[in-house]
Amino acid sequence: MLVKVQQEDFDPMAEMAAFPADAIAGAGGSVTFIGTVRDYSEATDILAMEIEHYPGMTERELERISAEAARRYDILDSLIMHRYGRLAPQDNIVMVAVWSRHRAAAFDACRFLIDVLKTSAPFWKKEITPEGARWVTDCPGCRAGSREGHTHAPHVSHSHTQLK
């Protein structure tokens, strides 16, 4: 398992190609999730997002999540990358990649990793909008990690706290 927390952007295909071949020998497939900054929230434009994290603790939590995925699912290895700093709409925020012998385990583990990461890793997100800045607070749908999923349409989204 590999965890990277960084300010710099990343190239998902380059990251997958650079993953140690011996760690994924025997893989029948991989599943990758790339999360990007949305350009809307609560019916307003997002001009930028500022992401903060707790260095050291963040990496340990992502490693714990990766180890849990390896215990739960028959996977060969995984990669979690997460950015911090000021990001613009459509910038990469997060990448989760999983390799396994069979697709079902890779899909299940990838979904587990992103769902748990979104609710337990110590990252804090502040949206910059034309009206000002506001911290993103918990989304019940994200916390539930529902297999049915949920939407973040412009008119139905996370709750936020307006900064003064």
C-alpha atoms as a PDB file:
ATOM      1  CA  MET A   1       0.000   0.000   0.000  1.00  0.00           C
ATOM      2  CA  LEU A   2       1.220   3.435  -0.882  1.00  0.00           C
ATOM      3  CA  VAL A   3      -0.056   6.719   0.557  1.00  0.00           C
ATOM      4  CA  LYS A   4       0.914  10.174  -0.732  1.00  0.00           C
ATOM      5  CA  VAL A   5      -0.281  13.520   0.631  1.00  0.00           C
ATOM      6  CA  GLN A   6       1.047  16.407  -1.424  1.00  0.00           C
ATOM      7  CA  GLN A   7       0.401  19.911  -2.657  1.00  0.00           C
ATOM      8  CA  GLU A   8       1.460  19.234  -6.248  1.00  0.00           C
ATOM      9  CA  ASP A   9      -0.931  17.981  -8.918  1.00  0.00           C
ATOM     10  CA  PHE A  10      -0.572  14.404 -10.119  1.00  0.00           C
ATOM     11  CA  ASP A  11      -1.011  12.505 -13.364  1.00  0.00           C
ATOM     12  CA  PRO A  12      -3.200   9.457 -12.593  1.00  0.00           C
ATOM     13  CA  MET A  13      -1.896   7.383 -15.492  1.00  0.00           C
ATOM     14  CA  ALA A  14       1.737   8.165 -14.634  1.00  0.00           C
ATOM     15  CA  GLU A  15       1.113   7.236 -10.983  1.00  0.00           C
ATOM     16  CA  MET A  16      -0.377   3.889 -11.982  1.00  0.00           C
ATOM     17  CA  ALA A  17       2.434   3.185 -14.443  1.00  0.00           C
ATOM     18  CA  ALA A  18       5.041   4.006 -11.775  1.00  0.00           C
ATOM     19  CA  PHE A  19       3.517   1.670  -9.184  1.00  0.00           C
ATOM     20  CA  PRO A  20       5.969  -1.137  -8.295  1.00  0.00           C
ATOM     21  CA  ALA A  21       5.309  -4.045 -10.653  1.00  0.00           C
ATOM     22  CA  ASP A  22       6.299  -6.667  -8.073  1.00  0.00           C
ATOM     23  CA  ALA A  23       3.561  -5.394  -5.723  1.00  0.00           C
ATOM     24  CA  ILE A  24       0.842  -6.045  -8.294  1.00  0.00           C
ATOM     25  CA  ALA A  25       2.157  -9.216  -9.955  1.00  0.00           C
ATOM     26  CA  GLY A  26      -0.786 -11.446 -10.780  1.00  0.00           C
ATOM     27  CA  ALA A  27      -3.262  -8.581 -11.036  1.00  0.00           C
ATOM     28  CA  GLY A  28      -6.209  -9.278 -13.296  1.00  0.00           C
ATOM     29  CA  GLY A  29      -7.321  -5.676 -13.152  1.00  0.00           C
ATOM     30  CA  SER A  30      -7.334  -2.356 -11.391  1.00  0.00           C
ATOM     31  CA  VAL A  31      -9.991   0.149 -10.415  1.00  0.00           C
ATOM     32  CA  THR A  32      -9.238   3.830 -10.052  1.00  0.00           C
ATOM     33  CA  PHE A  33     -11.262   6.732  -8.669  1.00  0.00           C
ATOM     34  CA  ILE A  34     -10.203  10.326  -9.364  1.00  0.00           C
ATOM     35  CA  GLY A  35     -11.936  13.078  -7.388  1.00  0.00           C
ATOM     36  CA  THR A  36     -11.874  16.678  -8.629  1.00  0.00           C
ATOM     37  CA  VAL A  37     -12.959  20.061  -7.279  1.00  0.00           C
ATOM     38  CA  ARG A  38     -16.587  20.815  -8.134  1.00  0.00           C
ATOM     39  CA  ASP A  39     -17.442  24.180  -9.677  1.00  0.00           C
ATOM     40  CA  TYR A  40     -20.715  24.497  -7.726  1.00  0.00           C
ATOM     41  CA  SER A  41     -22.167  23.957  -4.273  1.00  0.00           C
ATOM     42  CA  GLU A  42     -25.460  25.029  -2.731  1.00  0.00           C
ATOM     43  CA  ALA A  43     -26.456  26.740  -5.990  1.00  0.00           C
ATOM     44  CA  THR A  44     -23.391  28.991  -6.043  1.00  0.00           C
ATOM     45  CA  ASP A  45     -20.165  28.933  -7.991  1.00  0.00           C
ATOM     46  CA  ILE A  46     -17.000  27.621  -6.405  1.00  0.00           C
ATOM     47  CA  LEU A  47     -14.018  29.798  -7.300  1.00  0.00           C
ATOM     48  CA  ALA A  48     -11.494  27.700  -5.382  1.00  0.00           C
ATOM     49  CA  MET A  49     -11.158  25.187  -2.572  1.00  0.00           C
ATOM     50  CA  GLU A  50      -8.565  25.330   0.176  1.00  0.00           C
ATOM     51  CA  ILE A  51      -7.705  21.980   1.743  1.00  0.00           C
ATOM     52  CA  GLU A  52      -5.846  21.684   5.031  1.00  0.00           C
ATOM     53  CA  HIS A  53      -4.617  18.524   6.726  1.00  0.00           C
ATOM     54  CA  TYR A  54      -2.878  17.351   9.869  1.00  0.00           C
ATOM     55  CA  PRO A  55       0.616  16.233   8.709  1.00  0.00           C
ATOM     56  CA  GLY A  56       1.669  12.857  10.060  1.00  0.00           C
ATOM     57  CA  MET A  57      -1.767  12.040  11.407  1.00  0.00           C
ATOM     58  CA  THR A  58      -3.284  12.228   7.921  1.00  0.00           C
ATOM     59  CA  GLU A  59      -0.807   9.758   6.465  1.00  0.00           C
ATOM     60  CA  ARG A  60      -1.253   7.366   9.403  1.00  0.00           C
ATOM     61  CA  GLU A  61      -5.031   7.412   8.968  1.00  0.00           C
ATOM     62  CA  LEU A  62      -4.763   6.753   5.230  1.00  0.00           C
ATOM     63  CA  GLU A  63      -2.372   3.867   5.949  1.00  0.00           C
ATOM     64  CA  ARG A  64      -4.852   2.485   8.495  1.00  0.00           C
ATOM     65  CA  ILE A  65      -7.667   2.675   5.935  1.00  0.00           C
ATOM     66  CA  SER A  66      -5.476   0.936   3.327  1.00  0.00           C
ATOM     67  CA  ALA A  67      -4.598  -1.850   5.752  1.00  0.00           C
ATOM     68  CA  GLU A  68      -8.285  -2.309   6.595  1.00  0.00           C
ATOM     69  CA  ALA A  69      -9.142  -2.601   2.881  1.00  0.00           C
ATOM     70  CA  ALA A  70      -6.424  -5.246   2.483  1.00  0.00           C
ATOM     71  CA  ARG A  71      -7.923  -7.226   5.392  1.00  0.00           C
ATOM     72  CA  ARG A  72     -11.494  -6.981   4.074  1.00  0.00           C
ATOM     73  CA  TYR A  73     -10.924  -7.575   0.361  1.00  0.00           C
ATOM     74  CA  ASP A  74      -8.771  -9.908  -1.699  1.00  0.00           C
ATOM     75  CA  ILE A  75      -6.553  -7.200  -3.189  1.00  0.00           C
ATOM     76  CA  LEU A  76      -2.895  -7.149  -4.129  1.00  0.00           C
ATOM     77  CA  ASP A  77      -2.175  -3.506  -3.339  1.00  0.00           C
ATOM     78  CA  SER A  78      -3.561   0.021  -3.250  1.00  0.00           C
ATOM     79  CA  LEU A  79      -2.586   3.633  -3.771  1.00  0.00           C
ATOM     80  CA  ILE A  80      -4.161   6.666  -2.097  1.00  0.00           C
ATOM     81  CA  MET A  81      -3.107  10.175  -3.124  1.00  0.00           C
ATOM     82  CA  HIS A  82      -4.646  13.340  -1.686  1.00  0.00           C
ATOM     83  CA  ARG A  83      -3.770  16.963  -2.302  1.00  0.00           C
ATOM     84  CA  TYR A  84      -3.834  19.949  -0.007  1.00  0.00           C
ATOM     85  CA  GLY A  85      -3.523  23.681  -0.595  1.00  0.00           C
ATOM     86  CA  ARG A  86      -5.535  25.991  -2.844  1.00  0.00           C
ATOM     87  CA  LEU A  87      -7.193  24.179  -5.754  1.00  0.00           C
ATOM     88  CA  ALA A  88      -9.298  25.448  -8.669  1.00  0.00           C
ATOM     89  CA  PRO A  89     -12.451  23.834 -10.073  1.00  0.00           C
ATOM     90  CA  GLN A  90     -11.668  20.608 -11.959  1.00  0.00           C
ATOM     91  CA  ASP A  91      -8.254  20.236 -10.284  1.00  0.00           C
ATOM     92  CA  ASN A  92      -7.461  16.747  -9.015  1.00  0.00           C
ATOM     93  CA  ILE A  93      -8.031  16.318  -5.279  1.00  0.00           C
ATOM     94  CA  VAL A  94      -7.813  12.592  -4.645  1.00  0.00           C
ATOM     95  CA  MET A  95      -6.878   9.357  -6.373  1.00  0.00           C
ATOM     96  CA  VAL A  96      -7.605   5.860  -5.123  1.00  0.00           C
ATOM     97  CA  ALA A  97      -6.301   2.903  -7.118  1.00  0.00           C
ATOM     98  CA  VAL A  98      -6.662  -0.782  -6.264  1.00  0.00           C
ATOM     99  CA  TRP A  99      -5.164  -3.850  -7.942  1.00  0.00           C
ATOM    100  CA  SER A 100      -6.573  -7.347  -7.529  1.00  0.00           C
ATOM    101  CA  ARG A 101      -6.755 -10.698  -9.261  1.00  0.00           C
ATOM    102  CA  HIS A 102     -10.486 -10.257  -9.899  1.00  0.00           C
ATOM    103  CA  ARG A 103     -12.580  -7.155 -10.582  1.00  0.00           C
ATOM    104  CA  ALA A 104     -15.152  -7.524  -7.800  1.00  0.00           C
ATOM    105  CA  ALA A 105     -12.563  -7.170  -5.042  1.00  0.00           C
ATOM    106  CA  ALA A 106     -10.977  -4.171  -6.778  1.00  0.00           C
ATOM    107  CA  PHE A 107     -14.320  -2.375  -7.190  1.00  0.00           C
ATOM    108  CA  ASP A 108     -15.395  -3.111  -3.614  1.00  0.00           C
ATOM    109  CA  ALA A 109     -12.067  -2.076  -2.092  1.00  0.00           C
ATOM    110  CA  CYS A 110     -11.873   1.124  -4.145  1.00  0.00           C
ATOM    111  CA  ARG A 111     -15.358   2.152  -3.035  1.00  0.00           C
ATOM    112  CA  PHE A 112     -14.537   1.288   0.583  1.00  0.00           C
ATOM    113  CA  LEU A 113     -11.331   3.350   0.470  1.00  0.00           C
ATOM    114  CA  ILE A 114     -12.895   6.515  -0.946  1.00  0.00           C
ATOM    115  CA  ASP A 115     -15.984   6.281   1.289  1.00  0.00           C
ATOM    116  CA  VAL A 116     -13.950   5.812   4.479  1.00  0.00           C
ATOM    117  CA  LEU A 117     -11.318   8.365   3.441  1.00  0.00           C
ATOM    118  CA  LYS A 118     -13.993  11.046   2.943  1.00  0.00           C
ATOM    119  CA  THR A 119     -15.303  10.584   6.456  1.00  0.00           C
ATOM    120  CA  SER A 120     -12.305   9.674   8.621  1.00  0.00           C
ATOM    121  CA  ALA A 121      -9.139  11.237   7.208  1.00  0.00           C
ATOM    122  CA  PRO A 122      -8.193  14.553   8.870  1.00  0.00           C
ATOM    123  CA  PHE A 123      -8.708  16.930   5.938  1.00  0.00           C
ATOM    124  CA  TRP A 124     -10.591  20.228   6.173  1.00  0.00           C
ATOM    125  CA  LYS A 125     -12.063  21.891   3.099  1.00  0.00           C
ATOM    126  CA  LYS A 126     -12.957  25.539   2.682  1.00  0.00           C
ATOM    127  CA  GLU A 127     -14.917  26.625  -0.392  1.00  0.00           C
ATOM    128  CA  ILE A 128     -14.210  30.066  -1.827  1.00  0.00           C
ATOM    129  CA  THR A 129     -17.361  31.465  -3.478  1.00  0.00           C
ATOM    130  CA  PRO A 130     -18.395  34.881  -4.841  1.00  0.00           C
ATOM    131  CA  GLU A 131     -20.220  35.384  -1.508  1.00  0.00           C
ATOM    132  CA  GLY A 132     -17.185  34.566   0.634  1.00  0.00           C
ATOM    133  CA  ALA A 133     -15.498  31.541   2.195  1.00  0.00           C
ATOM    134  CA  ARG A 134     -17.171  28.691   4.062  1.00  0.00           C
ATOM    135  CA  TRP A 135     -15.996  25.450   5.613  1.00  0.00           C
ATOM    136  CA  VAL A 136     -17.452  22.252   4.197  1.00  0.00           C
ATOM    137  CA  THR A 137     -19.102  20.268   6.970  1.00  0.00           C
ATOM    138  CA  ASP A 138     -20.269  16.696   7.085  1.00  0.00           C
ATOM    139  CA  CYS A 139     -22.521  15.216   4.427  1.00  0.00           C
ATOM    140  CA  PRO A 140     -24.800  12.467   5.832  1.00  0.00           C
ATOM    141  CA  GLY A 141     -24.816  10.679   2.472  1.00  0.00           C
ATOM    142  CA  CYS A 142     -21.020  10.647   2.314  1.00  0.00           C
ATOM    143  CA  ARG A 143     -20.824   9.444   5.922  1.00  0.00           C
ATOM    144  CA  ALA A 144     -23.266   6.612   5.187  1.00  0.00           C
ATOM    145  CA  GLY A 145     -21.137   5.494   2.247  1.00  0.00           C
ATOM    146  CA  SER A 146     -24.295   4.207   0.652  1.00  0.00           C
ATOM    147  CA  ARG A 147     -23.879   1.681  -2.133  1.00  0.00           C
ATOM    148  CA  GLU A 148     -26.911   3.297  -3.760  1.00  0.00           C
ATOM    149  CA  GLY A 149     -25.030   6.570  -3.778  1.00  0.00           C
ATOM    150  CA  HIS A 150     -26.404  10.058  -3.470  1.00  0.00           C
ATOM    151  CA  THR A 151     -26.144  13.240  -5.457  1.00  0.00           C
ATOM    152  CA  HIS A 152     -24.582  16.616  -4.900  1.00  0.00           C
ATOM    153  CA  ALA A 153     -26.758  18.490  -7.364  1.00  0.00           C
ATOM    154  CA  PRO A 154     -26.524  22.271  -7.280  1.00  0.00           C
ATOM    155  CA  HIS A 155     -29.725  22.477  -5.252  1.00  0.00           C
ATOM    156  CA  VAL A 156     -28.974  19.585  -2.855  1.00  0.00           C
ATOM    157  CA  SER A 157     -25.515  19.472  -1.326  1.00  0.00           C
ATOM    158  CA  HIS A 158     -23.389  19.558   1.799  1.00  0.00           C
ATOM    159  CA  SER A 159     -24.204  21.951   4.580  1.00  0.00           C
ATOM    160  CA  HIS A 160     -21.713  24.726   5.120  1.00  0.00           C
ATOM    161  CA  THR A 161     -20.726  27.213   7.742  1.00  0.00           C
ATOM    162  CA  GLN A 162     -20.303  30.766   6.467  1.00  0.00           C
ATOM    163  CA  LEU A 163     -17.063  32.419   7.584  1.00  0.00           C
ATOM    164  CA  LYS A 164     -17.274  36.000   8.797  1.00  0.00           C
END
